[in-house]
């Protein structure tokens, strides 16, 4: 699975009391070219890795399927 961006489930945003900001409308396209969702909000929050690396990526807020509330960019 490849993702071009970081994503977070809205339930994670609410449960962690994160503040979203409105962004220009984005379309989530699947590999087959179909549009799966629309994104209207983003949020940033720090991630502190065990190796000592700290980053603050921007996450696009969208409903995620499965057990993971956050998807980090991977390509």
Protein backbone atom coordinates (compact mmCIF):
# COMPACT_ATOMS: atom_id res chain seq x y z
CA UNK A 1 0.00 0.00 0.00
CA UNK A 2 1.29 3.43 -0.93
CA UNK A 3 -0.06 6.67 0.46
CA UNK A 4 0.91 10.15 -0.63
CA UNK A 5 0.24 11.94 2.61
CA UNK A 6 -0.51 11.33 6.26
CA UNK A 7 -4.06 10.58 7.34
CA UNK A 8 -5.90 10.49 10.67
CA UNK A 9 -9.34 9.20 11.60
CA UNK A 10 -11.77 11.84 12.93
CA UNK A 11 -12.44 9.74 16.05
CA UNK A 12 -8.73 10.01 16.95
CA UNK A 13 -8.89 13.78 16.46
CA UNK A 14 -11.90 14.10 18.77
CA UNK A 15 -10.64 11.70 21.46
CA UNK A 16 -7.30 13.53 21.63
CA UNK A 17 -8.93 16.99 21.53
CA UNK A 18 -6.90 18.08 18.49
CA UNK A 19 -7.77 21.30 16.67
CA UNK A 20 -8.41 20.95 12.94
CA UNK A 21 -8.17 23.62 10.30
CA UNK A 22 -10.21 23.91 7.13
CA UNK A 23 -8.32 23.27 3.89
CA UNK A 24 -9.17 23.47 0.20
CA UNK A 25 -11.19 20.45 -0.91
CA UNK A 26 -9.02 17.39 -1.68
CA UNK A 27 -10.15 14.21 -3.41
CA UNK A 28 -8.86 10.81 -2.22
CA UNK A 29 -8.24 8.70 -5.31
CA UNK A 30 -7.59 4.97 -5.23
CA UNK A 31 -4.99 3.30 -7.45
CA UNK A 32 -7.72 2.40 -9.95
CA UNK A 33 -8.53 6.11 -10.33
CA UNK A 34 -11.87 6.14 -8.52
CA UNK A 35 -12.54 8.85 -5.95
CA UNK A 36 -13.05 7.29 -2.52
CA UNK A 37 -13.49 10.32 -0.24
CA UNK A 38 -13.27 14.08 0.07
CA UNK A 39 -11.06 15.82 2.62
CA UNK A 40 -11.87 19.26 4.01
CA UNK A 41 -9.78 19.38 7.22
CA UNK A 42 -6.20 18.88 8.36
CA UNK A 43 -4.42 18.76 11.70
CA UNK A 44 -0.79 18.70 12.85
CA UNK A 45 0.53 17.06 15.99
CA UNK A 46 3.98 15.93 17.15
CA UNK A 47 5.22 12.36 16.86
CA UNK A 48 8.16 11.45 19.08
CA UNK A 49 9.87 8.27 17.86
CA UNK A 50 11.76 5.98 20.27
CA UNK A 51 15.03 6.74 18.43
CA UNK A 52 14.73 10.37 19.53
CA UNK A 53 13.45 11.78 16.21
CA UNK A 54 10.59 14.27 16.61
CA UNK A 55 8.45 15.40 13.69
CA UNK A 56 5.21 17.36 13.30
CA UNK A 57 3.55 16.19 10.07
CA UNK A 58 0.30 17.48 8.61
CA UNK A 59 -2.48 14.88 8.68
CA UNK A 60 -5.53 14.92 6.44
CA UNK A 61 -8.67 14.03 8.41
CA UNK A 62 -10.68 11.22 6.83
CA UNK A 63 -12.48 8.08 7.94
CA UNK A 64 -9.98 5.20 8.05
CA UNK A 65 -10.91 1.54 7.78
CA UNK A 66 -9.34 -1.06 10.03
CA UNK A 67 -7.62 -0.93 13.39
CA UNK A 68 -5.17 1.91 12.80
CA UNK A 69 -6.25 5.50 13.59
CA UNK A 70 -3.22 7.09 11.85
CA UNK A 71 -1.48 6.45 8.52
CA UNK A 72 1.98 7.91 8.00
CA UNK A 73 3.06 8.77 4.45
CA UNK A 74 4.63 5.80 2.69
CA UNK A 75 5.85 5.45 -0.88
